[in-house]
Amino acid sequence: MSDDFMQQKPGSALRSWALYQMMAGAGWAALFVLAVAAILLAVWGVGLLLPEESKQAPDPNAFLITAPAETQVA
């Protein structure tokens, strides 16, 4: 943009401002997506460091699921 902003048309200034706002929003969205990807990549990397036995262990929550009580039809 030129330093002579007083001579700039209002429509042009509005378009420039809107484009800047959209590009800034896209930048923040890209930063958020990259941060989520980095967290997921870190969790995956920690999973690779675990021993193989830990991946074959039984589910620790298996005993929390109880069978429904038997009911009789009246």
PDB file of N, CA and C in Angstrom:
ATOM      1  N   MET A   1       0.835  -1.181   0.000  1.00  0.00           N
ATOM      2  CA  MET A   1       0.000   0.000   0.000  1.00  0.00           C
ATOM      3  C   MET A   1       0.880   1.244   0.000  1.00  0.00           C
ATOM      4  N   SER A   2       0.361   2.259  -0.559  1.00  0.00           N
ATOM      5  CA  SER A   2       1.120   3.504  -0.599  1.00  0.00           C
ATOM      6  C   SER A   2       0.908   4.281   0.694  1.00  0.00           C
ATOM      7  N   ASP A   3       1.765   5.251   0.921  1.00  0.00           N
ATOM      8  CA  ASP A   3       1.637   6.090   2.107  1.00  0.00           C
ATOM      9  C   ASP A   3       0.549   7.149   1.939  1.00  0.00           C
ATOM     10  N   ASP A   4       0.066   7.313   0.740  1.00  0.00           N
ATOM     11  CA  ASP A   4      -0.960   8.314   0.477  1.00  0.00           C
ATOM     12  C   ASP A   4      -2.344   7.671   0.621  1.00  0.00           C
ATOM     13  N   PHE A   5      -2.679   7.282   1.847  1.00  0.00           N
ATOM     14  CA  PHE A   5      -3.931   6.557   2.057  1.00  0.00           C
ATOM     15  C   PHE A   5      -5.150   7.463   1.989  1.00  0.00           C
ATOM     16  N   MET A   6      -4.963   8.758   2.036  1.00  0.00           N
ATOM     17  CA  MET A   6      -6.104   9.665   1.945  1.00  0.00           C
ATOM     18  C   MET A   6      -6.691   9.662   0.540  1.00  0.00           C
ATOM     19  N   GLN A   7      -5.897   9.311  -0.446  1.00  0.00           N
ATOM     20  CA  GLN A   7      -6.368   9.290  -1.825  1.00  0.00           C
ATOM     21  C   GLN A   7      -6.953   7.926  -2.203  1.00  0.00           C
ATOM     22  N   GLN A   8      -6.897   6.977  -1.294  1.00  0.00           N
ATOM     23  CA  GLN A   8      -7.378   5.633  -1.588  1.00  0.00           C
ATOM     24  C   GLN A   8      -8.901   5.604  -1.546  1.00  0.00           C
ATOM     25  N   LYS A   9      -9.495   4.868  -2.460  1.00  0.00           N
ATOM     26  CA  LYS A   9     -10.948   4.757  -2.501  1.00  0.00           C
ATOM     27  C   LYS A   9     -11.432   3.929  -1.311  1.00  0.00           C
ATOM     28  N   PRO A  10     -12.596   4.262  -0.755  1.00  0.00           N
ATOM     29  CA  PRO A  10     -13.102   3.520   0.411  1.00  0.00           C
ATOM     30  C   PRO A  10     -13.328   2.037   0.119  1.00  0.00           C
ATOM     31  N   GLY A  11     -13.812   1.714  -1.064  1.00  0.00           N
ATOM     32  CA  GLY A  11     -14.044   0.313  -1.407  1.00  0.00           C
ATOM     33  C   GLY A  11     -12.752  -0.476  -1.447  1.00  0.00           C
ATOM     34  N   SER A  12     -11.715   0.134  -1.960  1.00  0.00           N
ATOM     35  CA  SER A  12     -10.412  -0.527  -2.021  1.00  0.00           C
ATOM     36  C   SER A  12      -9.849  -0.744  -0.627  1.00  0.00           C
ATOM     37  N   ALA A  13     -10.008   0.239   0.241  1.00  0.00           N
ATOM     38  CA  ALA A  13      -9.523   0.105   1.616  1.00  0.00           C
ATOM     39  C   ALA A  13     -10.280  -1.003   2.346  1.00  0.00           C
ATOM     40  N   LEU A  14     -11.579  -1.095   2.116  1.00  0.00           N
ATOM     41  CA  LEU A  14     -12.378  -2.130   2.760  1.00  0.00           C
ATOM     42  C   LEU A  14     -11.971  -3.515   2.270  1.00  0.00           C
ATOM     43  N   ARG A  15     -11.718  -3.648   0.977  1.00  0.00           N
ATOM     44  CA  ARG A  15     -11.276  -4.937   0.435  1.00  0.00           C
ATOM     45  C   ARG A  15      -9.922  -5.331   1.000  1.00  0.00           C
ATOM     46  N   SER A  16      -9.031  -4.377   1.134  1.00  0.00           N
ATOM     47  CA  SER A  16      -7.713  -4.673   1.705  1.00  0.00           C
ATOM     48  C   SER A  16      -7.839  -5.112   3.158  1.00  0.00           C
ATOM     49  N   TRP A  17      -8.680  -4.427   3.911  1.00  0.00           N
ATOM     50  CA  TRP A  17      -8.880  -4.792   5.314  1.00  0.00           C
ATOM     51  C   TRP A  17      -9.499  -6.184   5.434  1.00  0.00           C
ATOM     52  N   ALA A  18     -10.503  -6.482   4.599  1.00  0.00           N
ATOM     53  CA  ALA A  18     -11.169  -7.785   4.648  1.00  0.00           C
ATOM     54  C   ALA A  18     -10.195  -8.896   4.265  1.00  0.00           C
ATOM     55  N   LEU A  19      -9.366  -8.658   3.263  1.00  0.00           N
ATOM     56  CA  LEU A  19      -8.382  -9.660   2.863  1.00  0.00           C
ATOM     57  C   LEU A  19      -7.386  -9.909   3.988  1.00  0.00           C
ATOM     58  N   TYR A  20      -6.954  -8.851   4.643  1.00  0.00           N
ATOM     59  CA  TYR A  20      -6.026  -9.012   5.765  1.00  0.00           C
ATOM     60  C   TYR A  20      -6.670  -9.826   6.886  1.00  0.00           C
ATOM     61  N   GLN A  21      -7.935  -9.548   7.203  1.00  0.00           N
ATOM     62  CA  GLN A  21      -8.623 -10.280   8.265  1.00  0.00           C
ATOM     63  C   GLN A  21      -8.767 -11.760   7.914  1.00  0.00           C
ATOM     64  N   MET A  22      -9.087 -12.048   6.658  1.00  0.00           N
ATOM     65  CA  MET A  22      -9.229 -13.442   6.243  1.00  0.00           C
ATOM     66  C   MET A  22      -7.890 -14.169   6.275  1.00  0.00           C
ATOM     67  N   MET A  23      -6.837 -13.511   5.849  1.00  0.00           N
ATOM     68  CA  MET A  23      -5.517 -14.142   5.863  1.00  0.00           C
ATOM     69  C   MET A  23      -5.029 -14.352   7.294  1.00  0.00           C
ATOM     70  N   ALA A  24      -5.319 -13.417   8.178  1.00  0.00           N
ATOM     71  CA  ALA A  24      -4.938 -13.584   9.582  1.00  0.00           C
ATOM     72  C   ALA A  24      -5.704 -14.750  10.201  1.00  0.00           C
ATOM     73  N   GLY A  25      -6.977 -14.871   9.904  1.00  0.00           N
ATOM     74  CA  GLY A  25      -7.774 -15.992  10.402  1.00  0.00           C
ATOM     75  C   GLY A  25      -7.276 -17.321   9.864  1.00  0.00           C
ATOM     76  N   ALA A  26      -6.897 -17.349   8.600  1.00  0.00           N
ATOM     77  CA  ALA A  26      -6.352 -18.575   8.017  1.00  0.00           C
ATOM     78  C   ALA A  26      -5.029 -18.939   8.679  1.00  0.00           C
ATOM     79  N   GLY A  27      -4.246 -17.945   9.022  1.00  0.00           N
ATOM     80  CA  GLY A  27      -2.983 -18.209   9.712  1.00  0.00           C
ATOM     81  C   GLY A  27      -3.199 -18.801  11.090  1.00  0.00           C
ATOM     82  N   TRP A  28      -4.159 -18.246  11.842  1.00  0.00           N
ATOM     83  CA  TRP A  28      -4.469 -18.793  13.165  1.00  0.00           C
ATOM     84  C   TRP A  28      -5.013 -20.211  13.060  1.00  0.00           C
ATOM     85  N   ALA A  29      -5.853 -20.466  12.055  1.00  0.00           N
ATOM     86  CA  ALA A  29      -6.400 -21.812  11.864  1.00  0.00           C
ATOM     87  C   ALA A  29      -5.289 -22.799  11.522  1.00  0.00           C
ATOM     88  N   ALA A  30      -4.356 -22.392  10.677  1.00  0.00           N
ATOM     89  CA  ALA A  30      -3.233 -23.266  10.328  1.00  0.00           C
ATOM     90  C   ALA A  30      -2.370 -23.550  11.550  1.00  0.00           C
ATOM     91  N   LEU A  31      -2.160 -22.551  12.376  1.00  0.00           N
ATOM     92  CA  LEU A  31      -1.383 -22.744  13.600  1.00  0.00           C
ATOM     93  C   LEU A  31      -2.080 -23.732  14.540  1.00  0.00           C
ATOM     94  N   PHE A  32      -3.385 -23.628  14.667  1.00  0.00           N
ATOM     95  CA  PHE A  32      -4.148 -24.550  15.512  1.00  0.00           C
ATOM     96  C   PHE A  32      -4.068 -25.978  14.979  1.00  0.00           C
ATOM     97  N   VAL A  33      -4.229 -26.145  13.672  1.00  0.00           N
ATOM     98  CA  VAL A  33      -4.164 -27.483  13.072  1.00  0.00           C
ATOM     99  C   VAL A  33      -2.777 -28.083  13.258  1.00  0.00           C
ATOM    100  N   LEU A  34      -1.746 -27.297  13.087  1.00  0.00           N
ATOM    101  CA  LEU A  34      -0.384 -27.797  13.276  1.00  0.00           C
ATOM    102  C   LEU A  34      -0.125 -28.162  14.736  1.00  0.00           C
ATOM    103  N   ALA A  35      -0.691 -27.409  15.669  1.00  0.00           N
ATOM    104  CA  ALA A  35      -0.520 -27.733  17.089  1.00  0.00           C
ATOM    105  C   ALA A  35      -1.208 -29.050  17.433  1.00  0.00           C
ATOM    106  N   VAL A  36      -2.414 -29.266  16.923  1.00  0.00           N
ATOM    107  CA  VAL A  36      -3.117 -30.530  17.163  1.00  0.00           C
ATOM    108  C   VAL A  36      -2.350 -31.685  16.531  1.00  0.00           C
ATOM    109  N   ALA A  37      -1.828 -31.488  15.327  1.00  0.00           N
ATOM    110  CA  ALA A  37      -1.049 -32.534  14.665  1.00  0.00           C
ATOM    111  C   ALA A  37       0.216 -32.853  15.453  1.00  0.00           C
ATOM    112  N   ALA A  38       0.861 -31.845  16.021  1.00  0.00           N
ATOM    113  CA  ALA A  38       2.073 -32.075  16.814  1.00  0.00           C
ATOM    114  C   ALA A  38       1.756 -32.877  18.074  1.00  0.00           C
ATOM    115  N   ILE A  39       0.633 -32.583  18.711  1.00  0.00           N
ATOM    116  CA  ILE A  39       0.238 -33.336  19.910  1.00  0.00           C
ATOM    117  C   ILE A  39      -0.049 -34.787  19.554  1.00  0.00           C
ATOM    118  N   LEU A  40      -0.785 -35.013  18.470  1.00  0.00           N
ATOM    119  CA  LEU A  40      -1.076 -36.385  18.052  1.00  0.00           C
ATOM    120  C   LEU A  40       0.194 -37.131  17.661  1.00  0.00           C
ATOM    121  N   LEU A  41       1.107 -36.460  17.011  1.00  0.00           N
ATOM    122  CA  LEU A  41       2.380 -37.077  16.633  1.00  0.00           C
ATOM    123  C   LEU A  41       3.194 -37.431  17.873  1.00  0.00           C
ATOM    124  N   ALA A  42       3.162 -36.589  18.886  1.00  0.00           N
ATOM    125  CA  ALA A  42       3.885 -36.874  20.128  1.00  0.00           C
ATOM    126  C   ALA A  42       3.286 -38.085  20.840  1.00  0.00           C
ATOM    127  N   VAL A  43       1.963 -38.190  20.879  1.00  0.00           N
ATOM    128  CA  VAL A  43       1.318 -39.349  21.508  1.00  0.00           C
ATOM    129  C   VAL A  43       1.661 -40.620  20.741  1.00  0.00           C
ATOM    130  N   TRP A  44       1.653 -40.552  19.421  1.00  0.00           N
ATOM    131  CA  TRP A  44       2.021 -41.705  18.598  1.00  0.00           C
ATOM    132  C   TRP A  44       3.473 -42.104  18.851  1.00  0.00           C
ATOM    133  N   GLY A  45       4.359 -41.118  18.971  1.00  0.00           N
ATOM    134  CA  GLY A  45       5.767 -41.401  19.237  1.00  0.00           C
ATOM    135  C   GLY A  45       5.979 -42.058  20.589  1.00  0.00           C
ATOM    136  N   VAL A  46       5.256 -41.608  21.605  1.00  0.00           N
ATOM    137  CA  VAL A  46       5.356 -42.236  22.924  1.00  0.00           C
ATOM    138  C   VAL A  46       4.838 -43.668  22.848  1.00  0.00           C
ATOM    139  N   GLY A  47       3.800 -43.898  22.066  1.00  0.00           N
ATOM    140  CA  GLY A  47       3.273 -45.247  21.891  1.00  0.00           C
ATOM    141  C   GLY A  47       4.288 -46.180  21.253  1.00  0.00           C
ATOM    142  N   LEU A  48       5.120 -45.649  20.370  1.00  0.00           N
ATOM    143  CA  LEU A  48       6.166 -46.474  19.754  1.00  0.00           C
ATOM    144  C   LEU A  48       7.251 -46.853  20.753  1.00  0.00           C
ATOM    145  N   LEU A  49       7.451 -46.031  21.772  1.00  0.00           N
ATOM    146  CA  LEU A  49       8.489 -46.306  22.763  1.00  0.00           C
ATOM    147  C   LEU A  49       8.062 -47.349  23.798  1.00  0.00           C
ATOM    148  N   LEU A  50       6.775 -47.639  23.884  1.00  0.00           N
ATOM    149  CA  LEU A  50       6.293 -48.602  24.867  1.00  0.00           C
ATOM    150  C   LEU A  50       6.724 -50.015  24.478  1.00  0.00           C
ATOM    151  N   PRO A  51       6.939 -50.875  25.472  1.00  0.00           N
ATOM    152  CA  PRO A  51       7.303 -52.259  25.146  1.00  0.00           C
ATOM    153  C   PRO A  51       6.127 -53.000  24.506  1.00  0.00           C
ATOM    154  N   GLU A  52       6.440 -54.052  23.763  1.00  0.00           N
ATOM    155  CA  GLU A  52       5.410 -54.804  23.050  1.00  0.00           C
ATOM    156  C   GLU A  52       4.424 -55.475  24.009  1.00  0.00           C
ATOM    157  N   GLU A  53       4.888 -55.863  25.202  1.00  0.00           N
ATOM    158  CA  GLU A  53       4.004 -56.530  26.160  1.00  0.00           C
ATOM    159  C   GLU A  53       2.868 -55.615  26.616  1.00  0.00           C
ATOM    160  N   SER A  54       3.139 -54.337  26.681  1.00  0.00           N
ATOM    161  CA  SER A  54       2.094 -53.414  27.132  1.00  0.00           C
ATOM    162  C   SER A  54       0.977 -53.292  26.102  1.00  0.00           C
ATOM    163  N   LYS A  55       1.291 -53.564  24.852  1.00  0.00           N
ATOM    164  CA  LYS A  55       0.271 -53.480  23.808  1.00  0.00           C
ATOM    165  C   LYS A  55      -0.575 -54.750  23.746  1.00  0.00           C
ATOM    166  N   GLN A  56      -0.096 -55.847  24.352  1.00  0.00           N
ATOM    167  CA  GLN A  56      -0.820 -57.110  24.308  1.00  0.00           C
ATOM    168  C   GLN A  56      -1.509 -57.422  25.630  1.00  0.00           C
ATOM    169  N   ALA A  57      -1.455 -56.534  26.573  1.00  0.00           N
ATOM    170  CA  ALA A  57      -2.075 -56.752  27.879  1.00  0.00           C
ATOM    171  C   ALA A  57      -3.595 -56.712  27.739  1.00  0.00           C
ATOM    172  N   PRO A  58      -4.305 -57.413  28.631  1.00  0.00           N
ATOM    173  CA  PRO A  58      -5.772 -57.363  28.568  1.00  0.00           C
ATOM    174  C   PRO A  58      -6.290 -55.972  28.938  1.00  0.00           C
ATOM    175  N   ASP A  59      -7.476 -55.713  28.494  1.00  0.00           N
ATOM    176  CA  ASP A  59      -8.098 -54.418  28.754  1.00  0.00           C
ATOM    177  C   ASP A  59      -8.336 -54.247  30.256  1.00  0.00           C
ATOM    178  N   PRO A  60      -7.836 -53.171  30.868  1.00  0.00           N
ATOM    179  CA  PRO A  60      -8.036 -52.992  32.307  1.00  0.00           C
ATOM    180  C   PRO A  60      -9.482 -52.668  32.669  1.00  0.00           C
ATOM    181  N   ASN A  61     -10.285 -52.279  31.719  1.00  0.00           N
ATOM    182  CA  ASN A  61     -11.679 -51.941  31.996  1.00  0.00           C
ATOM    183  C   ASN A  61     -12.628 -53.106  31.748  1.00  0.00           C
ATOM    184  N   ALA A  62     -12.112 -54.293  31.453  1.00  0.00           N
ATOM    185  CA  ALA A  62     -12.974 -55.426  31.116  1.00  0.00           C
ATOM    186  C   ALA A  62     -13.846 -55.840  32.292  1.00  0.00           C
ATOM    187  N   PHE A  63     -13.368 -55.681  33.528  1.00  0.00           N
ATOM    188  CA  PHE A  63     -14.139 -56.115  34.687  1.00  0.00           C
ATOM    189  C   PHE A  63     -15.193 -55.092  35.098  1.00  0.00           C
ATOM    190  N   LEU A  64     -15.180 -53.932  34.509  1.00  0.00           N
ATOM    191  CA  LEU A  64     -16.188 -52.924  34.832  1.00  0.00           C
ATOM    192  C   LEU A  64     -17.509 -53.213  34.139  1.00  0.00           C
ATOM    193  N   ILE A  65     -17.456 -53.990  33.076  1.00  0.00           N
ATOM    194  CA  ILE A  65     -18.670 -54.314  32.333  1.00  0.00           C
ATOM    195  C   ILE A  65     -19.279 -55.554  32.976  1.00  0.00           C
ATOM    196  N   THR A  66     -20.464 -55.420  33.489  1.00  0.00           N
ATOM    197  CA  THR A  66     -21.123 -56.546  34.146  1.00  0.00           C
ATOM    198  C   THR A  66     -22.248 -57.057  33.267  1.00  0.00           C
ATOM    199  N   ALA A  67     -22.505 -58.339  33.389  1.00  0.00           N
ATOM    200  CA  ALA A  67     -23.597 -58.942  32.627  1.00  0.00           C
ATOM    201  C   ALA A  67     -24.923 -58.494  33.229  1.00  0.00           C
ATOM    202  N   PRO A  68     -25.933 -58.310  32.419  1.00  0.00           N
ATOM    203  CA  PRO A  68     -27.236 -57.912  32.961  1.00  0.00           C
ATOM    204  C   PRO A  68     -27.841 -59.049  33.779  1.00  0.00           C
ATOM    205  N   ALA A  69     -28.604 -58.675  34.762  1.00  0.00           N
ATOM    206  CA  ALA A  69     -29.260 -59.675  35.609  1.00  0.00           C
ATOM    207  C   ALA A  69     -30.275 -60.454  34.784  1.00  0.00           C
ATOM    208  N   GLU A  70     -30.400 -61.734  35.093  1.00  0.00           N
ATOM    209  CA  GLU A  70     -31.368 -62.561  34.371  1.00  0.00           C
ATOM    210  C   GLU A  70     -32.777 -62.186  34.814  1.00  0.00           C
ATOM    211  N   THR A  71     -33.630 -62.058  33.870  1.00  0.00           N
ATOM    212  CA  THR A  71     -35.028 -61.726  34.171  1.00  0.00           C
ATOM    213  C   THR A  71     -35.921 -62.823  33.624  1.00  0.00           C
ATOM    214  N   GLN A  72     -37.037 -63.013  34.272  1.00  0.00           N
ATOM    215  CA  GLN A  72     -37.995 -64.017  33.830  1.00  0.00           C
ATOM    216  C   GLN A  72     -39.229 -63.311  33.296  1.00  0.00           C
ATOM    217  N   VAL A  73     -39.765 -63.900  32.267  1.00  0.00           N
ATOM    218  CA  VAL A  73     -40.981 -63.338  31.692  1.00  0.00           C
ATOM    219  C   VAL A  73     -42.151 -63.740  32.569  1.00  0.00           C
ATOM    220  N   ALA A  74     -42.985 -62.784  32.942  1.00  0.00           N
ATOM    221  CA  ALA A  74     -44.117 -63.076  33.839  1.00  0.00           C
ATOM    222  C   ALA A  74     -45.253 -63.716  33.101  1.00  0.00           C
TER     223      ALA A  74
END
